[in-house]
Amino acid sequence: MVESPCSGLLQGAEEYLRSVAARRGTHREIAAMLNTVIQEWDEQHSGTGIPQPATA
């Protein structure tokens, strides 16, 4: 799943992938790739009715 995070996100593994990206000990390149994919996911799904944090 870490090697193909887009598939994991589509299958509902968002929390898991976020935890792997933030986990201490995850290889930097893997964490960076996961963070990039997760950020793109967030941008694509920000207008889908999912509550987003309020910004001031």
Protein backbone atom coordinates (compact mmCIF):
# COMPACT_ATOMS: atom_id res chain seq x y z
CA MET A 1 0.00 0.00 0.00
CA VAL A 2 2.88 2.35 0.72
CA GLU A 3 4.26 1.66 -2.76
CA SER A 4 0.93 2.59 -4.34
CA PRO A 5 -0.67 5.13 -1.98
CA CYS A 6 -3.26 6.39 -4.47
CA SER A 7 -4.81 2.94 -4.49
CA GLY A 8 -4.67 2.86 -0.71
CA LEU A 9 -6.44 6.20 -0.47
CA LEU A 10 -9.18 5.00 -2.80
CA GLN A 11 -9.64 1.95 -0.61
CA GLY A 12 -10.00 3.99 2.58
CA ALA A 13 -6.52 3.76 4.06
CA GLU A 14 -6.07 7.50 4.47
CA GLU A 15 -5.51 7.40 8.25
CA TYR A 16 -3.00 4.58 7.92
CA LEU A 17 -1.02 6.35 5.19
CA ARG A 18 -1.02 9.59 7.19
CA SER A 19 0.31 7.70 10.21
CA VAL A 20 3.06 6.04 8.16
CA ALA A 21 4.06 9.43 6.70
CA ALA A 22 4.26 10.95 10.20
CA ARG A 23 5.81 7.93 11.89
CA ARG A 24 9.28 8.28 13.26
CA GLY A 25 11.53 5.86 11.43
CA THR A 26 9.77 6.07 8.06
CA HIS A 27 12.38 6.62 5.37
CA ARG A 28 12.46 10.31 4.39
CA GLU A 29 11.84 9.66 0.72
CA ILE A 30 8.82 7.46 1.47
CA ALA A 31 7.42 10.03 3.91
CA ALA A 32 7.90 12.84 1.39
CA MET A 33 6.18 10.85 -1.36
CA LEU A 34 3.28 9.96 0.94
CA ASN A 35 2.90 13.58 2.07
CA THR A 36 2.82 14.74 -1.56
CA VAL A 37 0.17 12.19 -2.51
CA ILE A 38 -1.89 12.96 0.60
CA GLN A 39 -1.70 16.70 -0.09
CA GLU A 40 -2.92 16.14 -3.67
CA TRP A 41 -5.71 13.93 -2.29
CA ASP A 42 -6.75 16.67 0.14
CA GLU A 43 -6.79 19.28 -2.63
CA GLN A 44 -8.90 17.07 -4.91
CA HIS A 45 -11.38 16.20 -2.19
CA SER A 46 -11.67 19.54 -0.39
CA GLY A 47 -15.00 20.41 -2.06
CA THR A 48 -16.76 17.04 -1.66
CA GLY A 49 -18.79 17.87 1.42
CA ILE A 50 -16.16 16.62 3.83
CA PRO A 51 -15.78 19.17 6.63
CA GLN A 52 -12.48 21.00 6.46
CA PRO A 53 -10.84 22.89 9.32
CA ALA A 54 -11.82 26.53 9.50
CA THR A 55 -9.12 29.09 8.74
CA ALA A 56 -9.10 32.64 10.01
